[in-house]
Amino acid sequence: MKDFNTLVTEHFKINSANITDMLTAQDVPEWDSMNYLLFIADVEKEYDVSFTMDEVLGVQTLGDIKKILRDKSVNV
């Protein structure tokens, strides 16, 4: 299983040293709507979870995604 930061690095082309829970779409040029949805799909597949539409649309930061995963009992 890939770790969360590896998925972030692969999708958004961010150096792992620069990944923080506070990163938003405004901070990451590669975080457009298509890449975001592809990222969520890979997160769901990697951790065997499903996000609701409200969860997908409510995310503002990488930390929000990690919180959703923790709420689904995923250790990130």
PDB file of N, CA and C in Angstrom:
ATOM      1  N   MET A   1       0.846  -1.178   0.000  1.00  0.00           N
ATOM      2  CA  MET A   1       0.000   0.000   0.000  1.00  0.00           C
ATOM      3  C   MET A   1       0.893   1.244   0.000  1.00  0.00           C
ATOM      4  N   LYS A   2       0.565   2.168  -0.889  1.00  0.00           N
ATOM      5  CA  LYS A   2       1.315   3.430  -0.954  1.00  0.00           C
ATOM      6  C   LYS A   2       0.901   4.333   0.200  1.00  0.00           C
ATOM      7  N   ASP A   3       1.855   5.087   0.680  1.00  0.00           N
ATOM      8  CA  ASP A   3       1.495   6.024   1.731  1.00  0.00           C
ATOM      9  C   ASP A   3       0.893   7.285   1.108  1.00  0.00           C
ATOM     10  N   PHE A   4       0.169   8.045   1.929  1.00  0.00           N
ATOM     11  CA  PHE A   4      -0.581   9.210   1.457  1.00  0.00           C
ATOM     12  C   PHE A   4       0.321  10.206   0.742  1.00  0.00           C
ATOM     13  N   ASN A   5       1.479  10.508   1.317  1.00  0.00           N
ATOM     14  CA  ASN A   5       2.371  11.494   0.704  1.00  0.00           C
ATOM     15  C   ASN A   5       2.888  11.028  -0.652  1.00  0.00           C
ATOM     16  N   THR A   6       3.058   9.738  -0.829  1.00  0.00           N
ATOM     17  CA  THR A   6       3.477   9.213  -2.130  1.00  0.00           C
ATOM     18  C   THR A   6       2.399   9.479  -3.170  1.00  0.00           C
ATOM     19  N   LEU A   7       1.151   9.256  -2.807  1.00  0.00           N
ATOM     20  CA  LEU A   7       0.042   9.540  -3.728  1.00  0.00           C
ATOM     21  C   LEU A   7      -0.008  11.024  -4.074  1.00  0.00           C
ATOM     22  N   VAL A   8       0.186  11.876  -3.073  1.00  0.00           N
ATOM     23  CA  VAL A   8       0.181  13.323  -3.312  1.00  0.00           C
ATOM     24  C   VAL A   8       1.307  13.687  -4.273  1.00  0.00           C
ATOM     25  N   THR A   9       2.496  13.159  -4.026  1.00  0.00           N
ATOM     26  CA  THR A   9       3.654  13.451  -4.874  1.00  0.00           C
ATOM     27  C   THR A   9       3.408  13.009  -6.310  1.00  0.00           C
ATOM     28  N   GLU A  10       2.850  11.826  -6.482  1.00  0.00           N
ATOM     29  CA  GLU A  10       2.603  11.299  -7.825  1.00  0.00           C
ATOM     30  C   GLU A  10       1.576  12.134  -8.591  1.00  0.00           C
ATOM     31  N   HIS A  11       0.516  12.543  -7.924  1.00  0.00           N
ATOM     32  CA  HIS A  11      -0.561  13.253  -8.619  1.00  0.00           C
ATOM     33  C   HIS A  11      -0.302  14.738  -8.806  1.00  0.00           C
ATOM     34  N   PHE A  12       0.266  15.351  -7.797  1.00  0.00           N
ATOM     35  CA  PHE A  12       0.382  16.800  -7.828  1.00  0.00           C
ATOM     36  C   PHE A  12       1.810  17.294  -8.045  1.00  0.00           C
ATOM     37  N   LYS A  13       2.738  16.359  -8.256  1.00  0.00           N
ATOM     38  CA  LYS A  13       4.130  16.717  -8.575  1.00  0.00           C
ATOM     39  C   LYS A  13       4.741  17.651  -7.525  1.00  0.00           C
ATOM     40  N   ILE A  14       4.520  17.318  -6.262  1.00  0.00           N
ATOM     41  CA  ILE A  14       5.038  18.102  -5.149  1.00  0.00           C
ATOM     42  C   ILE A  14       6.180  17.329  -4.505  1.00  0.00           C
ATOM     43  N   ASN A  15       7.247  18.008  -4.173  1.00  0.00           N
ATOM     44  CA  ASN A  15       8.322  17.403  -3.411  1.00  0.00           C
ATOM     45  C   ASN A  15       7.754  17.003  -2.051  1.00  0.00           C
ATOM     46  N   SER A  16       8.040  15.791  -1.610  1.00  0.00           N
ATOM     47  CA  SER A  16       7.460  15.301  -0.358  1.00  0.00           C
ATOM     48  C   SER A  16       7.803  16.191   0.828  1.00  0.00           C
ATOM     49  N   ALA A  17       8.920  16.879   0.771  1.00  0.00           N
ATOM     50  CA  ALA A  17       9.304  17.777   1.867  1.00  0.00           C
ATOM     51  C   ALA A  17       8.373  18.988   1.959  1.00  0.00           C
ATOM     52  N   ASN A  18       7.642  19.276   0.903  1.00  0.00           N
ATOM     53  CA  ASN A  18       6.749  20.431   0.873  1.00  0.00           C
ATOM     54  C   ASN A  18       5.293  20.092   1.160  1.00  0.00           C
ATOM     55  N   ILE A  19       5.005  18.840   1.435  1.00  0.00           N
ATOM     56  CA  ILE A  19       3.626  18.419   1.683  1.00  0.00           C
ATOM     57  C   ILE A  19       3.259  18.713   3.132  1.00  0.00           C
ATOM     58  N   THR A  20       2.178  19.477   3.290  1.00  0.00           N
ATOM     59  CA  THR A  20       1.639  19.751   4.622  1.00  0.00           C
ATOM     60  C   THR A  20       0.127  19.579   4.581  1.00  0.00           C
ATOM     61  N   ASP A  21      -0.459  19.431   5.743  1.00  0.00           N
ATOM     62  CA  ASP A  21      -1.909  19.297   5.830  1.00  0.00           C
ATOM     63  C   ASP A  21      -2.632  20.565   5.393  1.00  0.00           C
ATOM     64  N   MET A  22      -1.945  21.687   5.382  1.00  0.00           N
ATOM     65  CA  MET A  22      -2.575  22.963   5.063  1.00  0.00           C
ATOM     66  C   MET A  22      -2.561  23.297   3.569  1.00  0.00           C
ATOM     67  N   LEU A  23      -1.944  22.472   2.732  1.00  0.00           N
ATOM     68  CA  LEU A  23      -1.902  22.750   1.297  1.00  0.00           C
ATOM     69  C   LEU A  23      -3.309  22.756   0.699  1.00  0.00           C
ATOM     70  N   THR A  24      -3.556  23.740  -0.152  1.00  0.00           N
ATOM     71  CA  THR A  24      -4.835  23.874  -0.839  1.00  0.00           C
ATOM     72  C   THR A  24      -4.603  23.869  -2.348  1.00  0.00           C
ATOM     73  N   ALA A  25      -5.689  23.857  -3.094  1.00  0.00           N
ATOM     74  CA  ALA A  25      -5.594  23.903  -4.555  1.00  0.00           C
ATOM     75  C   ALA A  25      -4.875  25.165  -5.021  1.00  0.00           C
ATOM     76  N   GLN A  26      -5.011  26.253  -4.283  1.00  0.00           N
ATOM     77  CA  GLN A  26      -4.350  27.503  -4.657  1.00  0.00           C
ATOM     78  C   GLN A  26      -2.831  27.408  -4.500  1.00  0.00           C
ATOM     79  N   ASP A  27      -2.373  26.499  -3.659  1.00  0.00           N
ATOM     80  CA  ASP A  27      -0.940  26.329  -3.414  1.00  0.00           C
ATOM     81  C   ASP A  27      -0.266  25.399  -4.415  1.00  0.00           C
ATOM     82  N   VAL A  28      -1.062  24.600  -5.115  1.00  0.00           N
ATOM     83  CA  VAL A  28      -0.527  23.522  -5.939  1.00  0.00           C
ATOM     84  C   VAL A  28      -1.013  23.672  -7.381  1.00  0.00           C
ATOM     85  N   PRO A  29      -0.137  24.088  -8.299  1.00  0.00           N
ATOM     86  CA  PRO A  29      -0.560  24.302  -9.689  1.00  0.00           C
ATOM     87  C   PRO A  29      -1.216  23.075 -10.341  1.00  0.00           C
ATOM     88  N   GLU A  30      -0.770  21.886  -9.977  1.00  0.00           N
ATOM     89  CA  GLU A  30      -1.320  20.659 -10.582  1.00  0.00           C
ATOM     90  C   GLU A  30      -2.670  20.249  -9.995  1.00  0.00           C
ATOM     91  N   TRP A  31      -3.113  20.925  -8.939  1.00  0.00           N
ATOM     92  CA  TRP A  31      -4.372  20.571  -8.272  1.00  0.00           C
ATOM     93  C   TRP A  31      -5.522  21.274  -8.983  1.00  0.00           C
ATOM     94  N   ASP A  32      -5.863  20.760 -10.156  1.00  0.00           N
ATOM     95  CA  ASP A  32      -7.053  21.254 -10.850  1.00  0.00           C
ATOM     96  C   ASP A  32      -8.169  20.236 -10.636  1.00  0.00           C
ATOM     97  N   SER A  33      -9.333  20.522 -11.152  1.00  0.00           N
ATOM     98  CA  SER A  33     -10.480  19.662 -10.869  1.00  0.00           C
ATOM     99  C   SER A  33     -10.277  18.234 -11.368  1.00  0.00           C
ATOM    100  N   MET A  34      -9.694  18.065 -12.535  1.00  0.00           N
ATOM    101  CA  MET A  34      -9.495  16.719 -13.070  1.00  0.00           C
ATOM    102  C   MET A  34      -8.463  15.946 -12.247  1.00  0.00           C
ATOM    103  N   ASN A  35      -7.327  16.554 -11.982  1.00  0.00           N
ATOM    104  CA  ASN A  35      -6.310  15.860 -11.185  1.00  0.00           C
ATOM    105  C   ASN A  35      -6.811  15.559  -9.781  1.00  0.00           C
ATOM    106  N   TYR A  36      -7.599  16.452  -9.222  1.00  0.00           N
ATOM    107  CA  TYR A  36      -8.160  16.221  -7.894  1.00  0.00           C
ATOM    108  C   TYR A  36      -9.057  14.984  -7.909  1.00  0.00           C
ATOM    109  N   LEU A  37      -9.938  14.877  -8.892  1.00  0.00           N
ATOM    110  CA  LEU A  37     -10.829  13.719  -8.960  1.00  0.00           C
ATOM    111  C   LEU A  37     -10.055  12.423  -9.208  1.00  0.00           C
ATOM    112  N   LEU A  38      -9.016  12.505 -10.039  1.00  0.00           N
ATOM    113  CA  LEU A  38      -8.174  11.323 -10.251  1.00  0.00           C
ATOM    114  C   LEU A  38      -7.441  10.937  -8.969  1.00  0.00           C
ATOM    115  N   PHE A  39      -6.990  11.943  -8.228  1.00  0.00           N
ATOM    116  CA  PHE A  39      -6.333  11.698  -6.947  1.00  0.00           C
ATOM    117  C   PHE A  39      -7.295  11.017  -5.976  1.00  0.00           C
ATOM    118  N   ILE A  40      -8.498  11.538  -5.849  1.00  0.00           N
ATOM    119  CA  ILE A  40      -9.486  10.938  -4.945  1.00  0.00           C
ATOM    120  C   ILE A  40      -9.778   9.498  -5.357  1.00  0.00           C
ATOM    121  N   ALA A  41      -9.907   9.254  -6.657  1.00  0.00           N
ATOM    122  CA  ALA A  41     -10.157   7.890  -7.133  1.00  0.00           C
ATOM    123  C   ALA A  41      -9.012   6.963  -6.738  1.00  0.00           C
ATOM    124  N   ASP A  42      -7.779   7.420  -6.858  1.00  0.00           N
ATOM    125  CA  ASP A  42      -6.634   6.596  -6.460  1.00  0.00           C
ATOM    126  C   ASP A  42      -6.578   6.397  -4.951  1.00  0.00           C
ATOM    127  N   VAL A  43      -6.914   7.425  -4.188  1.00  0.00           N
ATOM    128  CA  VAL A  43      -6.962   7.297  -2.727  1.00  0.00           C
ATOM    129  C   VAL A  43      -8.012   6.251  -2.342  1.00  0.00           C
ATOM    130  N   GLU A  44      -9.180   6.324  -2.965  1.00  0.00           N
ATOM    131  CA  GLU A  44     -10.237   5.351  -2.678  1.00  0.00           C
ATOM    132  C   GLU A  44      -9.769   3.934  -2.999  1.00  0.00           C
ATOM    133  N   LYS A  45      -9.133   3.775  -4.135  1.00  0.00           N
ATOM    134  CA  LYS A  45      -8.648   2.454  -4.542  1.00  0.00           C
ATOM    135  C   LYS A  45      -7.535   1.965  -3.611  1.00  0.00           C
ATOM    136  N   GLU A  46      -6.591   2.836  -3.309  1.00  0.00           N
ATOM    137  CA  GLU A  46      -5.438   2.449  -2.492  1.00  0.00           C
ATOM    138  C   GLU A  46      -5.844   2.036  -1.080  1.00  0.00           C
ATOM    139  N   TYR A  47      -6.819   2.745  -0.508  1.00  0.00           N
ATOM    140  CA  TYR A  47      -7.209   2.498   0.876  1.00  0.00           C
ATOM    141  C   TYR A  47      -8.533   1.748   1.003  1.00  0.00           C
ATOM    142  N   ASP A  48      -9.111   1.330  -0.129  1.00  0.00           N
ATOM    143  CA  ASP A  48     -10.351   0.560  -0.159  1.00  0.00           C
ATOM    144  C   ASP A  48     -11.472   1.254   0.621  1.00  0.00           C
ATOM    145  N   VAL A  49     -11.683   2.520   0.278  1.00  0.00           N
ATOM    146  CA  VAL A  49     -12.747   3.318   0.887  1.00  0.00           C
ATOM    147  C   VAL A  49     -13.516   4.027  -0.224  1.00  0.00           C
ATOM    148  N   SER A  50     -14.658   4.581   0.136  1.00  0.00           N
ATOM    149  CA  SER A  50     -15.435   5.395  -0.799  1.00  0.00           C
ATOM    150  C   SER A  50     -15.730   6.729  -0.148  1.00  0.00           C
ATOM    151  N   PHE A  51     -15.544   7.783  -0.899  1.00  0.00           N
ATOM    152  CA  PHE A  51     -15.879   9.124  -0.442  1.00  0.00           C
ATOM    153  C   PHE A  51     -17.290   9.450  -0.924  1.00  0.00           C
ATOM    154  N   THR A  52     -18.050  10.132  -0.101  1.00  0.00           N
ATOM    155  CA  THR A  52     -19.349  10.624  -0.550  1.00  0.00           C
ATOM    156  C   THR A  52     -19.116  11.864  -1.406  1.00  0.00           C
ATOM    157  N   MET A  53     -20.114  12.255  -2.156  1.00  0.00           N
ATOM    158  CA  MET A  53     -19.997  13.467  -2.962  1.00  0.00           C
ATOM    159  C   MET A  53     -19.780  14.683  -2.061  1.00  0.00           C
ATOM    160  N   ASP A  54     -20.458  14.721  -0.920  1.00  0.00           N
ATOM    161  CA  ASP A  54     -20.265  15.834   0.021  1.00  0.00           C
ATOM    162  C   ASP A  54     -18.828  15.895   0.514  1.00  0.00           C
ATOM    163  N   GLU A  55     -18.232  14.742   0.787  1.00  0.00           N
ATOM    164  CA  GLU A  55     -16.834  14.715   1.223  1.00  0.00           C
ATOM    165  C   GLU A  55     -15.918  15.233   0.119  1.00  0.00           C
ATOM    166  N   VAL A  56     -16.131  14.765  -1.096  1.00  0.00           N
ATOM    167  CA  VAL A  56     -15.296  15.190  -2.228  1.00  0.00           C
ATOM    168  C   VAL A  56     -15.404  16.701  -2.430  1.00  0.00           C
ATOM    169  N   LEU A  57     -16.603  17.220  -2.391  1.00  0.00           N
ATOM    170  CA  LEU A  57     -16.814  18.645  -2.645  1.00  0.00           C
ATOM    171  C   LEU A  57     -16.425  19.527  -1.463  1.00  0.00           C
ATOM    172  N   GLY A  58     -16.372  18.960  -0.265  1.00  0.00           N
ATOM    173  CA  GLY A  58     -16.082  19.740   0.927  1.00  0.00           C
ATOM    174  C   GLY A  58     -14.609  19.921   1.250  1.00  0.00           C
ATOM    175  N   VAL A  59     -13.756  19.210   0.543  1.00  0.00           N
ATOM    176  CA  VAL A  59     -12.318  19.271   0.829  1.00  0.00           C
ATOM    177  C   VAL A  59     -11.755  20.632   0.450  1.00  0.00           C
ATOM    178  N   GLN A  60     -10.990  21.205   1.366  1.00  0.00           N
ATOM    179  CA  GLN A  60     -10.276  22.451   1.108  1.00  0.00           C
ATOM    180  C   GLN A  60      -8.762  22.241   1.173  1.00  0.00           C
ATOM    181  N   THR A  61      -8.314  21.289   1.992  1.00  0.00           N
ATOM    182  CA  THR A  61      -6.885  21.072   2.204  1.00  0.00           C
ATOM    183  C   THR A  61      -6.563  19.578   2.163  1.00  0.00           C
ATOM    184  N   LEU A  62      -5.281  19.283   2.053  1.00  0.00           N
ATOM    185  CA  LEU A  62      -4.866  17.879   2.150  1.00  0.00           C
ATOM    186  C   LEU A  62      -5.218  17.310   3.517  1.00  0.00           C
ATOM    187  N   GLY A  63      -5.164  18.146   4.540  1.00  0.00           N
ATOM    188  CA  GLY A  63      -5.548  17.712   5.881  1.00  0.00           C
ATOM    189  C   GLY A  63      -6.996  17.268   5.950  1.00  0.00           C
ATOM    190  N   ASP A  64      -7.873  17.919   5.180  1.00  0.00           N
ATOM    191  CA  ASP A  64      -9.281  17.510   5.124  1.00  0.00           C
ATOM    192  C   ASP A  64      -9.401  16.081   4.594  1.00  0.00           C
ATOM    193  N   ILE A  65      -8.620  15.771   3.580  1.00  0.00           N
ATOM    194  CA  ILE A  65      -8.659  14.424   3.010  1.00  0.00           C
ATOM    195  C   ILE A  65      -8.167  13.413   4.041  1.00  0.00           C
ATOM    196  N   LYS A  66      -7.087  13.743   4.731  1.00  0.00           N
ATOM    197  CA  LYS A  66      -6.569  12.844   5.752  1.00  0.00           C
ATOM    198  C   LYS A  66      -7.577  12.636   6.879  1.00  0.00           C
ATOM    199  N   LYS A  67      -8.308  13.683   7.248  1.00  0.00           N
ATOM    200  CA  LYS A  67      -9.325  13.546   8.291  1.00  0.00           C
ATOM    201  C   LYS A  67     -10.436  12.602   7.836  1.00  0.00           C
ATOM    202  N   ILE A  68     -10.865  12.742   6.600  1.00  0.00           N
ATOM    203  CA  ILE A  68     -11.895  11.839   6.070  1.00  0.00           C
ATOM    204  C   ILE A  68     -11.392  10.400   6.123  1.00  0.00           C
ATOM    205  N   LEU A  69     -10.148  10.191   5.725  1.00  0.00           N
ATOM    206  CA  LEU A  69      -9.583   8.840   5.764  1.00  0.00           C
ATOM    207  C   LEU A  69      -9.528   8.313   7.189  1.00  0.00           C
ATOM    208  N   ARG A  70      -9.094   9.147   8.133  1.00  0.00           N
ATOM    209  CA  ARG A  70      -9.075   8.708   9.542  1.00  0.00           C
ATOM    210  C   ARG A  70     -10.467   8.369  10.038  1.00  0.00           C
ATOM    211  N   ASP A  71     -11.473   9.159   9.629  1.00  0.00           N
ATOM    212  CA  ASP A  71     -12.849   8.872  10.007  1.00  0.00           C
ATOM    213  C   ASP A  71     -13.327   7.537   9.444  1.00  0.00           C
ATOM    214  N   LYS A  72     -12.674   7.088   8.383  1.00  0.00           N
ATOM    215  CA  LYS A  72     -13.000   5.798   7.770  1.00  0.00           C
ATOM    216  C   LYS A  72     -12.046   4.700   8.270  1.00  0.00           C
ATOM    217  N   SER A  73     -11.341   4.991   9.369  1.00  0.00           N
ATOM    218  CA  SER A  73     -10.440   4.043  10.030  1.00  0.00           C
ATOM    219  C   SER A  73      -9.191   3.702   9.216  1.00  0.00           C
ATOM    220  N   VAL A  74      -8.753   4.656   8.389  1.00  0.00           N
ATOM    221  CA  VAL A  74      -7.506   4.492   7.644  1.00  0.00           C
ATOM    222  C   VAL A  74      -6.406   5.205   8.408  1.00  0.00           C
ATOM    223  N   ASN A  75      -5.300   4.541   8.613  1.00  0.00           N
ATOM    224  CA  ASN A  75      -4.174   5.109   9.327  1.00  0.00           C
ATOM    225  C   ASN A  75      -3.285   5.901   8.351  1.00  0.00           C
ATOM    226  N   VAL A  76      -3.423   7.231   8.371  1.00  0.00           N
ATOM    227  CA  VAL A  76      -2.593   8.089   7.518  1.00  0.00           C
ATOM    228  C   VAL A  76      -1.845   9.091   8.363  1.00  0.00           C
TER     229      VAL A  76
END
